[in-house]
């Protein structure tokens, strides 16, 4: 199919007769190319636009929209294209044919304005070439739900547990329209590695945790996932590792130190490897630099003082009073918003937590990766800590990549996660899979 013309044209007319509810956004694929229709009514007239997110072509007007009962027809005269379909009884899909030179099937599904234009070419889609199973496992009274993927044939598979970053996230670590863990699981499973990914406490199918939960509690969840894999006859119980992103990378280190006989290898993807206080100070400096307004010495000193205060005070009420004084010039609304986060049990524990002892105790194979333009977990600061405290680890920093390991063209794009179509660099995926397979081969 040729590229959609971006020429704007006038909508000529529309026909509405006993129409089904087709208003809204509809998304489908024409020969793997995502297509989005927006059908809406204005001044009593049925109108539509067509977009091709992958090509950067958006909201191109269609010349005619006809809806009669459950039949839908859209004509795009300037594109020499048309679409005819039938609305499903539940009004959530349209099944039909897209014609532009040749005629091809096109099934449209109802979507939202927010997700309509998202282009995520790496997101795995069925049918899958491997086994996929919904599972649950427990850590005490906490029930965790997840997905286990395994190659279709064979057994005695090496396996990994995927551990997400900070904040409650689902098993795909879904954020900004991306599903990094779904992409990683798909890639590794195709390479012969079983993968268990799970919903965080209080998300999806997992039971709720406590407001007092900290990184150390989440580490116990990851170890419960390792224990579950050990019960599976298809898994090589001596080759179960943990791959964690961001806070999950820190958790991987904690687990390897706590249970060296059960965790065969670990991979940290942008994991915090220095004290939380230092991570946050550097993060604030980098965010300011990325925005084009670097902190001056006075502002940097204020940031350092704030996090030193959080590190030194254990009582939330006392901390709140101290921070309120320090941040008096920031405006009441902003102060209250910041205090709610900064005095939470998880945040206070994170700022105080120092992974150096755990790092020094890691004896298993260890791969630590960071993006050079990561403004959330600075590559230099954190990878240097790994080199110093876990000298046998394999360490790598990727040029022109951010916290999600997306390839970007400039530093200012570091946090434009949702505007980037790539979910995670194939280079990083290949490095992870190659390293894990090599380490498993050495151990057998």
Protein backbone atom coordinates (compact mmCIF):
# COMPACT_ATOMS: atom_id res chain seq x y z
CA UNK A 1 0.00 0.00 0.00
CA UNK A 2 1.40 3.38 -0.96
CA UNK A 3 1.97 6.04 1.65
CA UNK A 4 -1.12 8.01 2.62
CA UNK A 5 -1.16 11.44 1.03
CA UNK A 6 -1.18 14.22 3.58
CA UNK A 7 -3.05 16.64 1.32
CA UNK A 8 -6.09 18.00 3.14
CA UNK A 9 -9.31 17.76 1.15
CA UNK A 10 -12.84 18.95 1.73
CA UNK A 11 -15.37 16.37 2.93
CA UNK A 12 -18.07 16.22 0.28
CA UNK A 13 -21.01 14.47 1.90
CA UNK A 14 -22.17 11.78 4.26
CA UNK A 15 -25.11 9.45 4.48
CA UNK A 16 -26.69 8.33 7.75
CA UNK A 17 -29.61 5.96 7.69
CA UNK A 18 -30.61 3.90 10.71
CA UNK A 19 -26.92 3.98 11.64
CA UNK A 20 -25.25 1.80 14.25
CA UNK A 21 -22.97 3.49 16.77
CA UNK A 22 -19.73 3.89 14.85
CA UNK A 23 -18.65 7.14 16.46
CA UNK A 24 -15.13 7.11 17.90
CA UNK A 25 -11.68 5.79 17.08
CA UNK A 26 -11.07 2.55 15.19
CA UNK A 27 -7.73 0.85 14.70
CA UNK A 28 -6.57 -1.99 12.43
CA UNK A 29 -3.70 -3.12 10.23
CA UNK A 30 -3.41 -3.14 6.45
CA UNK A 31 -0.60 -5.54 5.54
CA UNK A 32 1.06 -4.89 8.99
CA UNK A 33 0.65 -1.10 8.58
CA UNK A 34 -1.47 0.40 11.42
CA UNK A 35 -4.46 2.42 10.23
CA UNK A 36 -6.72 4.59 12.39
CA UNK A 37 -10.16 5.93 11.47
CA UNK A 38 -11.84 8.62 13.54
CA UNK A 39 -15.58 8.69 12.83
CA UNK A 40 -17.58 11.54 14.33
CA UNK A 41 -20.62 13.74 13.77
CA UNK A 42 -20.58 17.49 13.32
CA UNK A 43 -23.57 19.72 12.59
CA UNK A 44 -25.64 16.62 11.84
CA UNK A 45 -23.12 15.31 9.33
CA UNK A 46 -21.15 12.06 9.65
CA UNK A 47 -17.44 12.74 9.08
CA UNK A 48 -14.22 10.72 9.25
CA UNK A 49 -10.45 11.08 9.12
CA UNK A 50 -7.79 8.46 8.44
CA UNK A 51 -4.32 8.32 9.99
CA UNK A 52 -1.23 6.18 9.51
CA UNK A 53 0.77 6.48 12.77
CA UNK A 54 3.81 4.66 11.39
CA UNK A 55 4.06 7.13 8.54
CA UNK A 56 3.39 10.23 10.58
CA UNK A 57 0.24 10.94 8.55
CA UNK A 58 -2.54 12.13 10.84
CA UNK A 59 -6.18 13.22 10.55
CA UNK A 60 -6.48 13.14 6.76
CA UNK A 61 -10.12 13.95 5.92
CA UNK A 62 -12.20 11.29 4.15
CA UNK A 63 -14.64 12.47 1.51
CA UNK A 64 -17.63 10.26 2.24
CA UNK A 65 -18.97 8.28 5.17
CA UNK A 66 -22.04 6.09 4.73
CA UNK A 67 -23.58 4.15 7.61
CA UNK A 68 -26.74 2.13 6.97
CA UNK A 69 -27.71 -0.22 9.75
CA UNK A 70 -24.58 -2.28 10.45
CA UNK A 71 -22.96 -1.48 7.06
CA UNK A 72 -20.14 1.06 7.02
CA UNK A 73 -18.53 2.58 3.93
CA UNK A 74 -15.76 5.18 3.87
CA UNK A 75 -14.36 6.68 0.68
CA UNK A 76 -11.01 8.45 0.37
CA UNK A 77 -11.12 9.77 -3.19
CA UNK A 78 -7.79 11.60 -3.19
CA UNK A 79 -6.09 8.44 -1.94
CA UNK A 80 -7.97 6.34 -4.47
CA UNK A 81 -8.99 4.17 -1.53
CA UNK A 82 -12.14 2.93 0.16
CA UNK A 83 -13.28 0.77 3.05
CA UNK A 84 -16.44 -1.31 3.39
CA UNK A 85 -17.27 -3.23 6.53
CA UNK A 86 -19.91 -4.63 8.84
CA UNK A 87 -20.31 -3.46 12.44
CA UNK A 88 -20.37 -6.29 14.99
CA UNK A 89 -23.48 -6.74 17.18
CA UNK A 90 -21.60 -5.45 20.24
CA UNK A 91 -20.44 -2.44 18.17
CA UNK A 92 -16.79 -2.98 19.18
CA UNK A 93 -15.40 -4.10 15.81
CA UNK A 94 -15.91 -3.63 12.09
CA UNK A 95 -14.96 -6.44 9.73
CA UNK A 96 -14.42 -5.52 6.11
CA UNK A 97 -12.18 -4.87 3.10
CA UNK A 98 -9.77 -2.00 2.45
CA UNK A 99 -9.19 -1.20 -1.20
CA UNK A 100 -6.35 0.83 -2.66
CA UNK A 101 -5.28 -0.73 -5.93
CA UNK A 102 -5.68 -4.15 -4.35
CA UNK A 103 -8.32 -5.29 -1.89
CA UNK A 104 -7.19 -6.64 1.48
CA UNK A 105 -9.04 -7.64 4.69
CA UNK A 106 -9.17 -5.00 7.42
CA UNK A 107 -10.71 -5.59 10.84
CA UNK A 108 -11.12 -2.45 12.88
CA UNK A 109 -11.44 -2.54 16.66
CA UNK A 110 -12.74 0.27 18.83
CA UNK A 111 -10.01 2.14 20.67
CA UNK A 112 -9.52 5.39 22.58
CA UNK A 113 -8.24 8.75 21.43
CA UNK A 114 -5.27 8.32 23.76
CA UNK A 115 -4.12 5.01 22.32
CA UNK A 116 -5.32 5.44 18.73
CA UNK A 117 -2.10 6.95 17.43
CA UNK A 118 0.31 4.83 19.45
CA UNK A 119 2.63 2.90 17.16
CA UNK A 120 4.28 0.02 18.98
CA UNK A 121 5.75 -2.30 16.32
CA UNK A 122 7.57 -4.48 18.87
CA UNK A 123 4.48 -5.38 20.89
CA UNK A 124 3.96 -9.18 20.59
CA UNK A 125 0.74 -10.28 18.92
CA UNK A 126 -0.80 -13.76 18.73
CA UNK A 127 -0.55 -16.39 17.50
CA UNK A 128 2.55 -16.99 19.60
CA UNK A 129 5.17 -19.59 18.68
CA UNK A 130 5.58 -20.61 22.32
CA UNK A 131 3.48 -21.74 25.26
CA UNK A 132 1.81 -19.11 27.42
CA UNK A 133 0.18 -19.90 30.76
CA UNK A 134 -1.60 -17.78 33.35
CA UNK A 135 -0.26 -18.65 36.81
CA UNK A 136 -0.54 -17.59 40.44
CA UNK A 137 1.90 -18.00 43.33
CA UNK A 138 2.04 -16.77 46.89
CA UNK A 139 4.29 -14.86 49.23
CA UNK A 140 2.69 -15.35 52.61
CA UNK A 141 -0.82 -13.92 52.37
CA UNK A 142 0.02 -12.05 49.16
CA UNK A 143 -1.23 -13.76 45.99
CA UNK A 144 0.60 -12.77 42.82
CA UNK A 145 -0.75 -13.36 39.31
CA UNK A 146 1.42 -13.61 36.26
CA UNK A 147 2.20 -15.08 32.88
CA UNK A 148 4.69 -17.87 32.28
CA UNK A 149 6.00 -18.30 28.74
CA UNK A 150 8.02 -21.34 27.68
CA UNK A 151 9.27 -22.70 24.36
CA UNK A 152 6.75 -25.02 22.69
CA UNK A 153 9.07 -28.02 22.68
CA UNK A 154 11.47 -29.58 25.14
CA UNK A 155 11.99 -29.12 28.87
CA UNK A 156 14.71 -28.25 31.41
CA UNK A 157 14.52 -24.62 30.30
CA UNK A 158 16.60 -21.91 31.95
CA UNK A 159 14.23 -19.29 33.31
CA UNK A 160 14.07 -15.67 34.37
CA UNK A 161 11.76 -13.67 36.62
CA UNK A 162 11.06 -10.13 35.43
CA UNK A 163 10.81 -7.51 38.20
CA UNK A 164 9.37 -4.08 37.44
CA UNK A 165 10.45 -0.61 38.49
CA UNK A 166 9.00 1.67 41.15
CA UNK A 167 5.26 2.19 41.38
CA UNK A 168 2.50 -0.36 41.02
CA UNK A 169 2.75 -1.84 37.53
CA UNK A 170 1.22 -4.77 35.70
CA UNK A 171 3.08 -7.82 34.46
CA UNK A 172 4.00 -6.09 31.19
CA UNK A 173 5.45 -3.10 33.09
CA UNK A 174 3.01 -1.10 30.97
CA UNK A 175 3.73 2.62 30.82
CA UNK A 176 3.34 5.39 28.25
CA UNK A 177 1.62 2.94 25.90
CA UNK A 178 4.64 0.61 25.97
CA UNK A 179 4.82 -2.96 27.30
CA UNK A 180 8.55 -3.52 27.88
CA UNK A 181 8.19 -6.80 29.78
CA UNK A 182 5.91 -8.29 27.11
CA UNK A 183 8.58 -7.46 24.52
CA UNK A 184 11.42 -8.85 26.67
CA UNK A 185 9.48 -12.02 27.49
CA UNK A 186 8.67 -12.61 23.84
CA UNK A 187 12.30 -12.15 22.77
CA UNK A 188 13.80 -14.34 25.49
CA UNK A 189 11.24 -17.12 25.11
CA UNK A 190 11.98 -17.30 21.38
CA UNK A 191 15.64 -17.71 22.42
CA UNK A 192 14.78 -20.78 24.51
CA UNK A 193 14.41 -19.11 27.92
CA UNK A 194 11.27 -19.45 30.05
CA UNK A 195 10.01 -16.15 31.45
CA UNK A 196 7.74 -15.39 34.42
CA UNK A 197 6.36 -11.87 34.67
CA UNK A 198 3.77 -10.88 37.27
CA UNK A 199 1.46 -8.08 38.38
CA UNK A 200 2.74 -5.98 41.27
CA UNK A 201 0.81 -5.96 44.54
CA UNK A 202 -2.60 -4.37 44.10
CA UNK A 203 -2.48 -4.49 40.29
CA UNK A 204 -4.27 -6.79 37.85
CA UNK A 205 -4.78 -10.23 39.35
CA UNK A 206 -2.47 -9.74 42.35
CA UNK A 207 -3.79 -9.06 45.83
CA UNK A 208 -3.20 -5.74 47.55
CA UNK A 209 -0.22 -5.15 49.77
CA UNK A 210 0.25 -2.61 52.54
CA UNK A 211 0.86 1.14 52.54
CA UNK A 212 4.07 0.32 54.42
CA UNK A 213 5.53 -1.90 51.67
CA UNK A 214 9.13 -1.12 50.69
CA UNK A 215 11.73 -2.37 48.24
CA UNK A 216 12.68 -5.19 50.62
CA UNK A 217 9.07 -6.45 50.63
CA UNK A 218 9.01 -6.45 46.84
CA UNK A 219 12.26 -8.42 46.85
CA UNK A 220 10.44 -11.16 48.77
CA UNK A 221 7.80 -11.25 46.00
CA UNK A 222 10.55 -11.80 43.42
CA UNK A 223 12.00 -14.63 45.49
CA UNK A 224 8.51 -16.17 45.74
CA UNK A 225 8.46 -16.13 41.92
CA UNK A 226 11.81 -17.96 41.88
CA UNK A 227 10.44 -20.52 44.34
CA UNK A 228 7.38 -21.04 42.14
CA UNK A 229 9.57 -21.73 39.09
CA UNK A 230 11.44 -24.34 41.10
CA UNK A 231 8.19 -26.31 41.41
CA UNK A 232 7.76 -26.51 37.64
CA UNK A 233 9.05 -29.71 36.06
CA UNK A 234 9.78 -27.94 32.77
CA UNK A 235 12.28 -25.56 34.40
CA UNK A 236 15.98 -26.14 35.11
CA UNK A 237 15.89 -25.29 38.82
CA UNK A 238 19.65 -24.63 38.87
CA UNK A 239 19.38 -21.95 36.18
CA UNK A 240 16.76 -19.48 37.36
CA UNK A 241 17.74 -15.82 37.22
CA UNK A 242 16.19 -12.41 37.82
CA UNK A 243 16.03 -9.53 35.37
CA UNK A 244 14.93 -6.26 36.95
CA UNK A 245 14.32 -2.80 35.55
CA UNK A 246 15.01 0.35 37.58
CA UNK A 247 13.99 -0.51 41.19
CA UNK A 248 13.67 -4.07 39.89
CA UNK A 249 17.41 -4.02 39.11
CA UNK A 250 18.11 -3.16 42.74
CA UNK A 251 15.75 -5.95 43.79
CA UNK A 252 17.67 -8.42 41.60
CA UNK A 253 20.85 -7.55 43.53
CA UNK A 254 19.08 -7.90 46.89
CA UNK A 255 17.71 -11.32 45.92
CA UNK A 256 21.09 -12.58 44.67
CA UNK A 257 22.70 -11.53 47.96
CA UNK A 258 19.94 -13.00 50.13
CA UNK A 259 19.52 -16.32 48.32
CA UNK A 260 22.77 -17.14 46.48
CA UNK A 261 21.85 -20.83 46.17
CA UNK A 262 18.56 -20.09 44.43
CA UNK A 263 19.38 -17.16 42.11
CA UNK A 264 21.69 -18.36 39.35
CA UNK A 265 22.27 -15.02 37.60
CA UNK A 266 20.95 -11.48 37.57
CA UNK A 267 20.52 -8.68 35.03
CA UNK A 268 20.03 -5.08 36.15
CA UNK A 269 18.42 -2.78 33.57
CA UNK A 270 19.06 0.74 34.83
CA UNK A 271 19.00 -0.41 38.44
CA UNK A 272 19.82 1.98 41.30
CA UNK A 273 23.17 0.81 42.68
CA UNK A 274 23.98 3.69 45.02
CA UNK A 275 22.11 5.05 48.03
CA UNK A 276 18.64 6.31 47.16
CA UNK A 277 19.56 9.75 48.45
CA UNK A 278 22.34 10.02 45.85
CA UNK A 279 20.10 8.66 43.08
CA UNK A 280 17.51 11.36 43.74
CA UNK A 281 19.99 14.23 43.93
CA UNK A 282 21.54 13.23 40.62
CA UNK A 283 18.09 12.70 39.09
CA UNK A 284 17.03 16.24 39.98
CA UNK A 285 20.22 17.65 38.48
CA UNK A 286 19.82 15.68 35.24
CA UNK A 287 16.13 16.54 34.86
CA UNK A 288 16.98 20.22 35.18
CA UNK A 289 19.77 19.87 32.63
CA UNK A 290 17.46 18.03 30.23
CA UNK A 291 14.91 20.84 30.49
CA UNK A 292 17.56 23.36 29.49
CA UNK A 293 17.69 25.01 32.94
CA UNK A 294 20.59 23.44 34.88
CA UNK A 295 20.57 23.92 38.65
CA UNK A 296 22.84 26.63 39.98
CA UNK A 297 24.97 25.99 43.06
CA UNK A 298 22.35 27.36 45.43
CA UNK A 299 19.59 25.20 43.93
CA UNK A 300 21.78 22.11 43.96
CA UNK A 301 22.61 22.72 47.63
CA UNK A 302 18.89 22.98 48.40
CA UNK A 303 18.21 19.63 46.67
CA UNK A 304 21.09 17.98 48.56
CA UNK A 305 19.79 19.37 51.86
CA UNK A 306 16.25 18.11 51.21
CA UNK A 307 17.39 14.55 50.55
CA UNK A 308 19.88 14.61 53.41
CA UNK A 309 16.97 15.59 55.65
CA UNK A 310 14.82 12.71 54.42
CA UNK A 311 17.78 10.39 55.00
CA UNK A 312 18.28 11.57 58.57
CA UNK A 313 14.71 11.66 59.93
CA UNK A 314 12.65 8.53 60.55
CA UNK A 315 9.34 9.97 61.82
CA UNK A 316 6.98 11.10 59.00
CA UNK A 317 5.44 13.98 61.01
CA UNK A 318 8.83 15.34 62.01
CA UNK A 319 10.08 14.97 58.45
CA UNK A 320 7.03 16.77 57.13
CA UNK A 321 7.68 19.79 59.37
CA UNK A 322 11.37 19.90 58.44
CA UNK A 323 10.71 19.67 54.70
CA UNK A 324 7.97 22.28 54.87
CA UNK A 325 10.48 24.73 56.30
CA UNK A 326 13.13 23.86 53.71
CA UNK A 327 10.70 24.17 50.79
CA UNK A 328 8.89 27.30 52.02
CA UNK A 329 9.65 29.25 48.83
CA UNK A 330 8.10 26.66 46.51
CA UNK A 331 4.42 27.54 46.92
CA UNK A 332 1.84 25.80 49.10
CA UNK A 333 0.25 23.58 46.42
CA UNK A 334 3.60 22.31 45.20
CA UNK A 335 4.85 21.75 48.74
CA UNK A 336 1.79 19.69 49.70
CA UNK A 337 2.10 17.57 46.57
CA UNK A 338 5.80 16.93 47.25
CA UNK A 339 5.29 16.18 50.94
CA UNK A 340 2.67 13.54 50.21
CA UNK A 341 5.25 11.60 48.19
CA UNK A 342 8.35 12.34 50.25
CA UNK A 343 6.84 11.26 53.58
CA UNK A 344 5.40 7.97 52.26
CA UNK A 345 6.92 4.80 53.74
CA UNK A 346 8.26 3.57 50.39
CA UNK A 347 9.89 6.89 49.49
CA UNK A 348 11.52 7.37 52.87
CA UNK A 349 12.86 3.82 52.79
CA UNK A 350 14.13 4.23 49.22
CA UNK A 351 16.05 7.42 50.02
CA UNK A 352 17.68 5.73 53.04
CA UNK A 353 18.41 2.39 51.33
CA UNK A 354 22.05 1.70 50.46
CA UNK A 355 22.56 -1.36 48.21
CA UNK A 356 26.33 -1.41 48.64
CA UNK A 357 26.33 -4.29 51.13
CA UNK A 358 24.14 -6.40 48.86
CA UNK A 359 26.27 -5.52 45.83
CA UNK A 360 29.40 -6.75 47.56
CA UNK A 361 27.66 -10.05 48.36
CA UNK A 362 26.66 -10.89 44.77
CA UNK A 363 28.57 -14.00 43.71
CA UNK A 364 26.50 -15.15 40.73
CA UNK A 365 26.98 -13.94 37.14
CA UNK A 366 25.83 -10.32 36.99
CA UNK A 367 25.04 -8.13 33.97
CA UNK A 368 24.46 -4.41 34.64
CA UNK A 369 23.20 -2.20 31.80
CA UNK A 370 22.34 1.50 31.58
CA UNK A 371 21.49 4.04 28.93
CA UNK A 372 23.95 6.90 28.58
CA UNK A 373 21.08 9.44 28.52
CA UNK A 374 19.14 7.99 31.45
CA UNK A 375 18.01 10.96 33.56
CA UNK A 376 16.31 8.81 36.21
CA UNK A 377 19.17 6.46 37.11
CA UNK A 378 22.44 8.00 36.01
CA UNK A 379 24.61 5.53 34.09
CA UNK A 380 28.02 6.74 35.26
CA UNK A 381 27.15 7.04 38.96
CA UNK A 382 25.45 3.65 39.21
CA UNK A 383 27.65 1.56 36.92
CA UNK A 384 30.78 2.83 38.68
CA UNK A 385 29.31 1.47 41.93
CA UNK A 386 28.86 -1.93 40.30
CA UNK A 387 32.44 -1.93 39.01
CA UNK A 388 33.75 -1.01 42.45
CA UNK A 389 31.67 -3.35 44.60
CA UNK A 390 31.01 -6.25 42.22
CA UNK A 391 34.15 -6.28 40.06
CA UNK A 392 33.31 -9.59 38.37
CA UNK A 393 30.09 -8.15 36.91
CA UNK A 394 29.72 -7.40 33.21
CA UNK A 395 28.93 -3.70 32.81
CA UNK A 396 27.77 -1.83 29.72
CA UNK A 397 26.50 1.67 28.96
CA UNK A 398 24.63 2.31 25.71
CA UNK A 399 25.11 5.57 23.85
CA UNK A 400 22.02 7.59 22.98
CA UNK A 401 19.60 5.48 25.04
CA UNK A 402 17.29 6.51 27.88
CA UNK A 403 15.88 4.88 31.02
CA UNK A 404 13.72 2.49 28.95
CA UNK A 405 16.65 1.70 26.63
CA UNK A 406 14.93 3.44 23.73
CA UNK A 407 17.24 4.77 21.05
CA UNK A 408 16.97 8.57 20.94
CA UNK A 409 18.64 11.27 18.84
CA UNK A 410 19.29 13.88 21.53
CA UNK A 411 19.42 14.32 25.31
CA UNK A 412 16.25 16.43 25.37
CA UNK A 413 14.26 13.35 24.29
CA UNK A 414 15.32 11.39 27.36
CA UNK A 415 11.83 11.29 28.88
CA UNK A 416 9.72 11.43 25.72
CA UNK A 417 8.88 7.77 26.29
CA UNK A 418 5.35 7.82 24.89
CA UNK A 419 6.32 9.72 21.74
CA UNK A 420 8.89 7.09 20.74
CA UNK A 421 7.60 4.09 18.79
CA UNK A 422 10.43 1.80 19.89
CA UNK A 423 9.75 0.04 23.19
CA UNK A 424 13.28 -1.24 23.83
CA UNK A 425 16.32 -1.35 21.59
CA UNK A 426 16.83 -4.68 19.75
CA UNK A 427 20.54 -4.27 20.52
CA UNK A 428 19.81 -4.47 24.24
CA UNK A 429 17.39 -7.38 23.79
CA UNK A 430 20.02 -9.32 21.87
CA UNK A 431 22.73 -8.54 24.45
CA UNK A 432 20.52 -9.79 27.30
CA UNK A 433 19.53 -13.01 25.52
CA UNK A 434 23.09 -13.75 24.37
CA UNK A 435 24.51 -13.16 27.85
CA UNK A 436 21.90 -15.34 29.59
CA UNK A 437 22.31 -18.19 27.09
CA UNK A 438 26.11 -18.03 27.44
CA UNK A 439 25.99 -18.07 31.25
CA UNK A 440 23.56 -21.02 31.24
CA UNK A 441 25.79 -22.91 28.81
CA UNK A 442 28.82 -22.34 31.09
CA UNK A 443 26.94 -23.69 34.10
CA UNK A 444 25.83 -26.92 32.47
